N, C-alpha and C. Protein backbone atom coordinates (compact mmCIF):
# COMPACT_ATOMS: atom_id res chain seq x y z
N MET A 1 65.06 116.61 59.36
CA MET A 1 64.98 117.18 60.69
C MET A 1 64.34 116.16 61.62
N ALA A 2 64.96 115.91 62.76
CA ALA A 2 64.42 114.95 63.71
C ALA A 2 63.23 115.55 64.42
N SER A 3 62.18 114.74 64.56
CA SER A 3 61.01 115.23 65.26
C SER A 3 60.46 114.11 66.11
N THR A 4 59.72 114.50 67.13
CA THR A 4 59.09 113.52 68.01
C THR A 4 57.62 113.85 68.12
N SER A 5 56.85 112.86 68.48
CA SER A 5 55.41 113.13 68.61
C SER A 5 55.12 113.67 69.99
N ASP A 6 54.12 114.50 70.06
CA ASP A 6 53.71 115.12 71.31
C ASP A 6 52.24 114.76 71.52
N ASN A 7 51.91 114.07 72.60
CA ASN A 7 50.55 113.61 72.83
C ASN A 7 49.59 114.74 73.10
N SER A 8 50.06 115.86 73.55
CA SER A 8 49.16 116.96 73.87
C SER A 8 48.58 117.65 72.64
N GLY A 9 49.22 117.48 71.50
CA GLY A 9 48.75 118.16 70.30
C GLY A 9 47.97 117.27 69.36
N GLY A 10 47.53 116.10 69.84
CA GLY A 10 46.73 115.23 68.99
C GLY A 10 47.55 114.66 67.84
N GLY A 11 48.76 114.19 68.11
CA GLY A 11 49.57 113.59 67.06
C GLY A 11 50.41 114.58 66.29
N VAL A 12 50.39 115.84 66.67
CA VAL A 12 51.19 116.85 66.00
C VAL A 12 52.64 116.67 66.40
N THR A 13 53.54 116.73 65.45
CA THR A 13 54.95 116.59 65.76
C THR A 13 55.59 117.97 65.86
N LYS A 14 56.58 118.03 66.70
CA LYS A 14 57.34 119.27 66.80
C LYS A 14 58.81 118.91 66.83
N PRO A 15 59.67 119.79 66.37
CA PRO A 15 61.09 119.47 66.32
C PRO A 15 61.65 119.22 67.71
N PHE A 16 62.67 118.36 67.76
CA PHE A 16 63.30 118.03 69.04
C PHE A 16 63.87 119.28 69.70
N SER A 17 64.41 120.21 68.93
CA SER A 17 64.97 121.43 69.51
C SER A 17 63.88 122.25 70.19
N GLY A 18 62.67 122.24 69.66
CA GLY A 18 61.57 122.93 70.32
C GLY A 18 61.20 122.27 71.62
N ARG A 19 61.34 120.94 71.66
CA ARG A 19 61.05 120.20 72.87
C ARG A 19 62.08 120.55 73.95
N ILE A 20 63.35 120.69 73.56
CA ILE A 20 64.38 121.06 74.53
C ILE A 20 64.12 122.46 75.07
N HIS A 21 63.81 123.40 74.18
CA HIS A 21 63.51 124.76 74.61
C HIS A 21 62.33 124.76 75.58
N GLY A 22 61.30 124.02 75.27
CA GLY A 22 60.13 123.97 76.14
C GLY A 22 60.43 123.36 77.49
N ALA A 23 61.32 122.37 77.52
CA ALA A 23 61.67 121.73 78.79
C ALA A 23 62.54 122.63 79.65
N LEU A 24 63.36 123.44 79.02
CA LEU A 24 64.24 124.31 79.79
C LEU A 24 63.57 125.61 80.19
N TRP A 25 62.55 126.01 79.48
CA TRP A 25 61.86 127.26 79.79
C TRP A 25 60.94 127.04 80.98
N LEU A 26 61.18 127.73 82.08
CA LEU A 26 60.37 127.57 83.28
C LEU A 26 59.26 128.59 83.38
N GLY A 27 59.30 129.60 82.51
CA GLY A 27 58.27 130.63 82.56
C GLY A 27 58.38 131.41 83.86
N TRP A 28 57.26 131.84 84.36
CA TRP A 28 57.26 132.62 85.59
C TRP A 28 57.17 131.74 86.82
N ARG A 29 56.91 130.44 86.65
CA ARG A 29 56.75 129.54 87.79
C ARG A 29 58.09 128.96 88.21
N LEU A 30 58.32 128.96 89.50
CA LEU A 30 59.49 128.29 90.05
C LEU A 30 59.03 126.93 90.55
N PRO A 31 59.67 125.86 90.12
CA PRO A 31 59.23 124.52 90.54
C PRO A 31 59.25 124.38 92.06
N TRP A 32 58.19 123.82 92.61
CA TRP A 32 58.09 123.68 94.06
C TRP A 32 59.21 122.83 94.62
N SER A 33 59.68 121.86 93.87
CA SER A 33 60.75 120.99 94.39
C SER A 33 62.05 121.76 94.57
N LEU A 34 62.34 122.70 93.68
CA LEU A 34 63.56 123.49 93.85
C LEU A 34 63.46 124.42 95.06
N VAL A 35 62.27 124.91 95.34
CA VAL A 35 62.07 125.75 96.52
C VAL A 35 62.28 124.93 97.79
N VAL A 36 61.73 123.71 97.82
CA VAL A 36 61.89 122.83 98.98
C VAL A 36 63.36 122.48 99.18
N VAL A 37 64.04 122.11 98.11
CA VAL A 37 65.45 121.74 98.22
C VAL A 37 66.30 122.95 98.60
N ALA A 38 65.98 124.13 98.09
CA ALA A 38 66.72 125.33 98.47
C ALA A 38 66.58 125.59 99.97
N MET A 39 65.38 125.39 100.50
CA MET A 39 65.19 125.57 101.95
C MET A 39 65.97 124.52 102.73
N LEU A 40 66.00 123.27 102.24
CA LEU A 40 66.80 122.22 102.90
C LEU A 40 68.28 122.57 102.88
N PHE A 41 68.77 123.03 101.74
CA PHE A 41 70.19 123.38 101.63
C PHE A 41 70.53 124.54 102.56
N VAL A 42 69.66 125.53 102.65
CA VAL A 42 69.93 126.67 103.52
C VAL A 42 69.87 126.24 104.99
N PHE A 43 68.84 125.48 105.35
CA PHE A 43 68.65 125.11 106.75
C PHE A 43 69.73 124.15 107.23
N PHE A 44 69.95 123.06 106.49
CA PHE A 44 70.91 122.05 106.93
C PHE A 44 72.33 122.34 106.48
N GLY A 45 72.50 122.83 105.28
CA GLY A 45 73.83 123.03 104.74
C GLY A 45 74.56 124.23 105.30
N MET A 46 73.82 125.26 105.67
CA MET A 46 74.47 126.48 106.12
C MET A 46 74.49 126.63 107.64
N SER A 47 74.04 125.61 108.36
CA SER A 47 74.12 125.69 109.82
C SER A 47 75.51 125.25 110.27
N HIS A 48 76.10 126.00 111.15
CA HIS A 48 77.42 125.70 111.71
C HIS A 48 78.46 125.48 110.61
N LEU A 49 78.62 126.46 109.76
CA LEU A 49 79.56 126.34 108.65
C LEU A 49 81.00 126.16 109.10
N ASP A 50 81.32 126.60 110.29
CA ASP A 50 82.69 126.48 110.76
C ASP A 50 82.99 125.11 111.38
N LEU A 51 81.97 124.29 111.57
CA LEU A 51 82.16 122.97 112.18
C LEU A 51 81.92 121.88 111.15
N PRO A 52 82.62 120.82 111.15
CA PRO A 52 83.92 120.65 111.78
C PRO A 52 84.94 121.53 111.09
N GLY A 53 86.11 121.57 111.63
CA GLY A 53 87.16 122.41 111.03
C GLY A 53 87.47 121.98 109.61
N PRO A 54 88.23 122.77 108.90
CA PRO A 54 88.51 122.45 107.50
C PRO A 54 89.36 121.18 107.34
N TYR A 55 88.99 120.37 106.39
CA TYR A 55 89.76 119.18 106.06
C TYR A 55 90.88 119.58 105.11
N PRO A 56 92.01 118.88 105.17
CA PRO A 56 93.10 119.21 104.24
C PRO A 56 92.68 119.10 102.77
N ASP A 57 91.91 118.06 102.43
CA ASP A 57 91.46 117.91 101.04
C ASP A 57 90.46 119.00 100.64
N GLU A 58 89.73 119.51 101.63
CA GLU A 58 88.73 120.54 101.35
C GLU A 58 89.37 121.87 100.97
N VAL A 59 90.51 122.15 101.56
CA VAL A 59 91.13 123.46 101.36
C VAL A 59 92.39 123.41 100.51
N ILE A 60 92.66 122.27 99.86
CA ILE A 60 93.88 122.16 99.07
C ILE A 60 93.93 123.20 97.95
N GLN A 61 92.77 123.56 97.43
CA GLN A 61 92.74 124.57 96.37
C GLN A 61 92.40 125.95 96.91
N ALA A 62 92.08 126.03 98.20
CA ALA A 62 91.74 127.33 98.78
C ALA A 62 92.99 128.19 99.01
N VAL A 63 94.12 127.55 99.27
CA VAL A 63 95.35 128.32 99.53
C VAL A 63 95.79 129.09 98.28
N PRO A 64 95.93 128.44 97.11
CA PRO A 64 96.27 129.25 95.94
C PRO A 64 95.15 130.21 95.53
N ALA A 65 93.89 129.84 95.83
CA ALA A 65 92.78 130.75 95.52
C ALA A 65 92.85 132.01 96.36
N ALA A 66 93.20 131.85 97.64
CA ALA A 66 93.33 133.02 98.52
C ALA A 66 94.46 133.91 98.04
N ALA A 67 95.55 133.31 97.60
CA ALA A 67 96.67 134.11 97.08
C ALA A 67 96.26 134.85 95.81
N LEU A 68 95.53 134.18 94.93
CA LEU A 68 95.07 134.84 93.70
C LEU A 68 94.09 135.97 93.99
N SER A 69 93.25 135.78 95.01
CA SER A 69 92.21 136.79 95.29
C SER A 69 92.79 138.11 95.75
N VAL A 70 93.99 138.09 96.32
CA VAL A 70 94.62 139.34 96.76
C VAL A 70 95.73 139.78 95.83
N GLY A 71 95.86 139.09 94.70
CA GLY A 71 96.83 139.50 93.69
C GLY A 71 98.22 138.94 93.87
N LEU A 72 98.39 137.96 94.72
CA LEU A 72 99.70 137.35 94.93
C LEU A 72 99.89 136.20 93.93
N ILE A 73 100.36 136.53 92.77
CA ILE A 73 100.64 135.54 91.75
C ILE A 73 102.14 135.31 91.75
N PRO A 74 102.57 134.07 92.01
CA PRO A 74 104.01 133.84 92.09
C PRO A 74 104.72 134.14 90.77
N SER A 75 105.95 134.61 90.90
CA SER A 75 106.72 134.91 89.70
C SER A 75 107.52 133.68 89.28
N SER A 76 107.93 133.69 88.05
CA SER A 76 108.69 132.58 87.49
C SER A 76 109.82 133.15 86.64
N PRO A 77 110.93 132.44 86.58
CA PRO A 77 112.03 132.93 85.74
C PRO A 77 111.75 132.76 84.25
N ILE A 78 110.70 132.04 83.92
CA ILE A 78 110.38 131.77 82.52
C ILE A 78 109.67 132.98 81.93
N ASN A 79 110.07 133.38 80.73
CA ASN A 79 109.41 134.46 80.03
C ASN A 79 108.58 133.85 78.90
N GLY A 80 107.47 134.46 78.58
CA GLY A 80 106.61 133.95 77.52
C GLY A 80 105.53 133.06 78.11
N ILE A 81 105.06 132.09 77.33
CA ILE A 81 104.01 131.18 77.78
C ILE A 81 104.61 129.79 77.88
N ALA A 82 104.48 129.17 79.07
CA ALA A 82 105.02 127.83 79.29
C ALA A 82 104.27 127.18 80.45
N ILE A 83 104.46 125.89 80.61
CA ILE A 83 103.91 125.16 81.75
C ILE A 83 105.08 124.75 82.62
N ASP A 84 105.05 125.17 83.88
CA ASP A 84 106.16 124.92 84.78
C ASP A 84 105.63 124.48 86.15
N GLY A 85 105.80 123.21 86.46
CA GLY A 85 105.44 122.72 87.80
C GLY A 85 104.00 122.92 88.19
N GLY A 86 103.06 122.61 87.33
CA GLY A 86 101.65 122.72 87.67
C GLY A 86 101.09 124.12 87.53
N ALA A 87 101.80 124.99 86.87
CA ALA A 87 101.33 126.36 86.67
C ALA A 87 101.55 126.76 85.22
N VAL A 88 100.68 127.61 84.73
CA VAL A 88 100.86 128.18 83.40
C VAL A 88 101.56 129.52 83.59
N VAL A 89 102.70 129.65 83.00
CA VAL A 89 103.50 130.87 83.16
C VAL A 89 103.25 131.77 81.96
N ILE A 90 102.82 132.98 82.24
CA ILE A 90 102.59 133.99 81.21
C ILE A 90 103.35 135.24 81.63
N ASN A 91 104.41 135.55 80.90
CA ASN A 91 105.22 136.73 81.17
C ASN A 91 105.65 136.83 82.64
N HIS A 92 106.34 135.81 83.11
CA HIS A 92 106.91 135.75 84.45
C HIS A 92 105.89 135.57 85.56
N LEU A 93 104.60 135.38 85.27
CA LEU A 93 103.60 135.16 86.31
C LEU A 93 103.08 133.72 86.20
N ALA A 94 103.14 132.97 87.31
CA ALA A 94 102.76 131.55 87.31
C ALA A 94 101.34 131.40 87.85
N TYR A 95 100.39 131.12 86.97
CA TYR A 95 98.99 130.93 87.35
C TYR A 95 98.77 129.45 87.66
N PRO A 96 98.19 129.12 88.84
CA PRO A 96 97.98 127.72 89.19
C PRO A 96 97.13 127.01 88.14
N PHE A 97 97.57 125.81 87.77
CA PHE A 97 96.85 125.05 86.77
C PHE A 97 96.50 123.66 87.26
N VAL A 98 97.44 122.97 87.88
CA VAL A 98 97.20 121.62 88.36
C VAL A 98 97.72 121.52 89.79
N MET A 99 96.81 121.28 90.73
CA MET A 99 97.23 121.12 92.12
C MET A 99 97.77 119.70 92.33
N LEU A 100 97.03 118.73 91.88
CA LEU A 100 97.45 117.33 91.85
C LEU A 100 97.12 116.82 90.46
N THR A 101 97.58 115.63 90.14
CA THR A 101 97.38 115.15 88.77
C THR A 101 95.90 114.98 88.42
N TYR A 102 95.04 114.84 89.40
CA TYR A 102 93.61 114.63 89.14
C TYR A 102 92.75 115.85 89.47
N LEU A 103 93.34 116.95 89.87
CA LEU A 103 92.59 118.17 90.18
C LEU A 103 92.95 119.27 89.21
N GLY A 104 91.95 119.80 88.55
CA GLY A 104 92.17 120.90 87.62
C GLY A 104 92.04 122.24 88.32
N PRO A 105 92.07 123.33 87.56
CA PRO A 105 92.10 124.67 88.15
C PRO A 105 90.74 125.30 88.39
N VAL A 106 89.65 124.64 88.01
CA VAL A 106 88.34 125.31 88.06
C VAL A 106 87.98 125.74 89.47
N LYS A 107 88.09 124.83 90.44
CA LYS A 107 87.73 125.19 91.80
C LYS A 107 88.62 126.30 92.35
N THR A 108 89.89 126.29 91.98
CA THR A 108 90.81 127.34 92.44
C THR A 108 90.33 128.71 91.98
N TYR A 109 89.95 128.83 90.72
CA TYR A 109 89.55 130.13 90.19
C TYR A 109 88.15 130.53 90.66
N VAL A 110 87.26 129.57 90.84
CA VAL A 110 85.94 129.89 91.40
C VAL A 110 86.09 130.39 92.84
N LEU A 111 86.92 129.70 93.63
CA LEU A 111 87.15 130.14 95.00
C LEU A 111 87.88 131.48 95.04
N ALA A 112 88.79 131.70 94.11
CA ALA A 112 89.50 133.00 94.08
C ALA A 112 88.51 134.13 93.86
N PHE A 113 87.53 133.93 92.97
CA PHE A 113 86.51 134.95 92.75
C PHE A 113 85.66 135.15 94.01
N ALA A 114 85.25 134.04 94.65
CA ALA A 114 84.45 134.15 95.87
C ALA A 114 85.24 134.82 96.99
N PHE A 115 86.53 134.49 97.13
CA PHE A 115 87.37 135.13 98.14
C PHE A 115 87.57 136.60 97.83
N TRP A 116 87.66 136.94 96.57
CA TRP A 116 87.80 138.34 96.19
C TRP A 116 86.55 139.14 96.57
N LEU A 117 85.38 138.51 96.40
CA LEU A 117 84.13 139.19 96.75
C LEU A 117 83.89 139.27 98.25
N PHE A 118 84.10 138.15 98.96
CA PHE A 118 83.66 138.06 100.36
C PHE A 118 84.78 137.85 101.37
N GLY A 119 86.00 137.70 100.91
CA GLY A 119 87.11 137.44 101.84
C GLY A 119 87.34 135.94 101.99
N ALA A 120 88.56 135.57 102.32
CA ALA A 120 88.92 134.16 102.45
C ALA A 120 88.56 133.63 103.83
N SER A 121 87.73 132.60 103.86
CA SER A 121 87.37 131.95 105.12
C SER A 121 86.80 130.57 104.81
N VAL A 122 86.71 129.76 105.84
CA VAL A 122 86.12 128.43 105.69
C VAL A 122 84.66 128.55 105.29
N GLU A 123 83.97 129.53 105.87
CA GLU A 123 82.55 129.71 105.57
C GLU A 123 82.32 130.03 104.09
N VAL A 124 83.15 130.91 103.54
CA VAL A 124 83.01 131.26 102.11
C VAL A 124 83.30 130.05 101.24
N THR A 125 84.30 129.26 101.61
CA THR A 125 84.62 128.05 100.85
C THR A 125 83.43 127.10 100.84
N ARG A 126 82.82 126.90 102.00
CA ARG A 126 81.71 125.95 102.09
C ARG A 126 80.44 126.46 101.43
N VAL A 127 80.16 127.73 101.53
CA VAL A 127 78.99 128.27 100.85
C VAL A 127 79.17 128.19 99.33
N THR A 128 80.38 128.42 98.86
CA THR A 128 80.65 128.32 97.42
C THR A 128 80.43 126.91 96.92
N THR A 129 80.97 125.91 97.61
CA THR A 129 80.79 124.54 97.16
C THR A 129 79.34 124.08 97.35
N LEU A 130 78.67 124.57 98.38
CA LEU A 130 77.26 124.26 98.58
C LEU A 130 76.42 124.83 97.44
N SER A 131 76.78 126.01 96.97
CA SER A 131 76.08 126.62 95.84
C SER A 131 76.21 125.77 94.58
N PHE A 132 77.40 125.22 94.37
CA PHE A 132 77.58 124.34 93.21
C PHE A 132 76.79 123.04 93.38
N GLY A 133 76.66 122.57 94.61
CA GLY A 133 75.82 121.40 94.85
C GLY A 133 74.37 121.68 94.53
N PHE A 134 73.88 122.86 94.91
CA PHE A 134 72.50 123.23 94.56
C PHE A 134 72.35 123.42 93.06
N LEU A 135 73.37 123.94 92.42
CA LEU A 135 73.34 124.06 90.95
C LEU A 135 73.21 122.68 90.29
N GLY A 136 73.87 121.69 90.87
CA GLY A 136 73.72 120.32 90.38
C GLY A 136 72.30 119.81 90.51
N VAL A 137 71.63 120.17 91.60
CA VAL A 137 70.22 119.79 91.78
C VAL A 137 69.35 120.48 90.73
N CYS A 138 69.65 121.74 90.44
CA CYS A 138 68.88 122.46 89.41
C CYS A 138 69.05 121.81 88.03
N PHE A 139 70.27 121.42 87.70
CA PHE A 139 70.49 120.74 86.42
C PHE A 139 69.82 119.37 86.40
N THR A 140 69.76 118.70 87.54
CA THR A 140 69.04 117.42 87.62
C THR A 140 67.57 117.64 87.31
N TYR A 141 66.99 118.71 87.87
CA TYR A 141 65.59 119.02 87.59
C TYR A 141 65.38 119.25 86.09
N LEU A 142 66.24 120.07 85.49
CA LEU A 142 66.06 120.38 84.07
C LEU A 142 66.22 119.14 83.19
N PHE A 143 67.19 118.29 83.51
CA PHE A 143 67.39 117.08 82.72
C PHE A 143 66.22 116.12 82.89
N ALA A 144 65.77 115.92 84.12
CA ALA A 144 64.65 115.01 84.36
C ALA A 144 63.38 115.55 83.72
N ARG A 145 63.21 116.85 83.72
CA ARG A 145 62.02 117.43 83.08
C ARG A 145 62.08 117.24 81.58
N LEU A 146 63.25 117.36 81.01
CA LEU A 146 63.43 117.16 79.57
C LEU A 146 63.14 115.72 79.19
N VAL A 147 63.62 114.79 79.99
CA VAL A 147 63.50 113.37 79.65
C VAL A 147 62.14 112.79 80.03
N SER A 148 61.64 113.14 81.23
CA SER A 148 60.47 112.43 81.75
C SER A 148 59.30 113.29 82.20
N GLY A 149 59.41 114.60 82.18
CA GLY A 149 58.28 115.44 82.56
C GLY A 149 58.39 116.03 83.96
N HIS A 150 57.35 116.78 84.33
CA HIS A 150 57.35 117.53 85.59
C HIS A 150 57.38 116.64 86.82
N VAL A 151 56.56 115.60 86.82
CA VAL A 151 56.46 114.76 88.02
C VAL A 151 57.80 114.09 88.32
N ALA A 152 58.40 113.49 87.31
CA ALA A 152 59.69 112.84 87.50
C ALA A 152 60.76 113.85 87.90
N ALA A 153 60.70 115.03 87.34
CA ALA A 153 61.69 116.07 87.69
C ALA A 153 61.55 116.47 89.15
N ASN A 154 60.33 116.64 89.62
CA ASN A 154 60.12 117.00 91.01
C ASN A 154 60.57 115.88 91.95
N VAL A 155 60.27 114.64 91.60
CA VAL A 155 60.68 113.51 92.44
C VAL A 155 62.21 113.40 92.47
N ALA A 156 62.85 113.49 91.31
CA ALA A 156 64.31 113.39 91.25
C ALA A 156 64.97 114.51 92.03
N THR A 157 64.41 115.70 91.94
CA THR A 157 64.97 116.86 92.64
C THR A 157 64.87 116.69 94.15
N VAL A 158 63.73 116.26 94.62
CA VAL A 158 63.55 116.09 96.06
C VAL A 158 64.41 114.93 96.58
N LEU A 159 64.49 113.84 95.82
CA LEU A 159 65.33 112.71 96.26
C LEU A 159 66.80 113.11 96.34
N LEU A 160 67.31 113.77 95.31
CA LEU A 160 68.72 114.17 95.33
C LEU A 160 68.97 115.26 96.37
N GLY A 161 68.11 116.25 96.42
CA GLY A 161 68.33 117.38 97.32
C GLY A 161 68.15 117.06 98.79
N SER A 162 67.42 115.99 99.10
CA SER A 162 67.22 115.62 100.51
C SER A 162 68.14 114.48 100.95
N ASP A 163 69.01 114.04 100.06
CA ASP A 163 69.96 112.98 100.40
C ASP A 163 71.06 113.56 101.28
N PRO A 164 71.18 113.08 102.53
CA PRO A 164 72.19 113.65 103.43
C PRO A 164 73.62 113.51 102.93
N SER A 165 73.93 112.41 102.25
CA SER A 165 75.30 112.24 101.77
C SER A 165 75.61 113.23 100.64
N TYR A 166 74.63 113.55 99.81
CA TYR A 166 74.86 114.55 98.76
C TYR A 166 75.06 115.93 99.38
N LEU A 167 74.22 116.25 100.35
CA LEU A 167 74.33 117.55 101.00
C LEU A 167 75.67 117.69 101.74
N LEU A 168 76.10 116.64 102.41
CA LEU A 168 77.36 116.69 103.14
C LEU A 168 78.55 116.81 102.18
N SER A 169 78.52 116.06 101.09
CA SER A 169 79.64 116.15 100.15
C SER A 169 79.62 117.47 99.39
N ALA A 170 78.45 118.07 99.20
CA ALA A 170 78.38 119.39 98.56
C ALA A 170 78.87 120.48 99.51
N ARG A 171 78.65 120.28 100.79
CA ARG A 171 79.05 121.29 101.78
C ARG A 171 80.52 121.20 102.14
N ASP A 172 81.01 119.99 102.39
CA ASP A 172 82.39 119.79 102.84
C ASP A 172 83.23 119.18 101.73
N ASP A 173 83.13 119.71 100.56
CA ASP A 173 83.78 119.18 99.35
C ASP A 173 85.20 118.70 99.67
N TRP A 174 85.44 117.42 99.51
CA TRP A 174 86.73 116.83 99.88
C TRP A 174 87.70 116.85 98.72
N GLY A 175 87.84 117.96 98.08
CA GLY A 175 88.82 118.05 97.00
C GLY A 175 88.15 118.16 95.72
């Protein structure tokens, strides 16, 4: 069993899996850096969600997602399970699978769920992608805490979360 030494226990070793559990367990405390970054994302990322207008690359997956959210699944002459023109066909229903050769279906289905809950709009698209950007900051905190401790995790979180280019690309996801 792999183990690492822990300086806090006076040379006592604990299994690596215990170290991972300890790094991921936040207890009742919410890290201050995540609170600061959440406020930055809300203040800067959610202001004027309708401006600028939607980019073509930003909404390329929103069109099939909007159709899926209201139950408009295109039909296909193929019966059974097959792949036909970027869609997976299951019993005459063509579910979007590949929009372009480098874009998979994940964003389409995430947006379809968000559109189903809140309605299809540019604002919902941007809040959804902004939420995934904040989720990336949270995973950065957890990884940095696992590797380097609390101080490094807080620094990494604040640096990533306050980077204007990261916030802009998380808000106006270009595909």
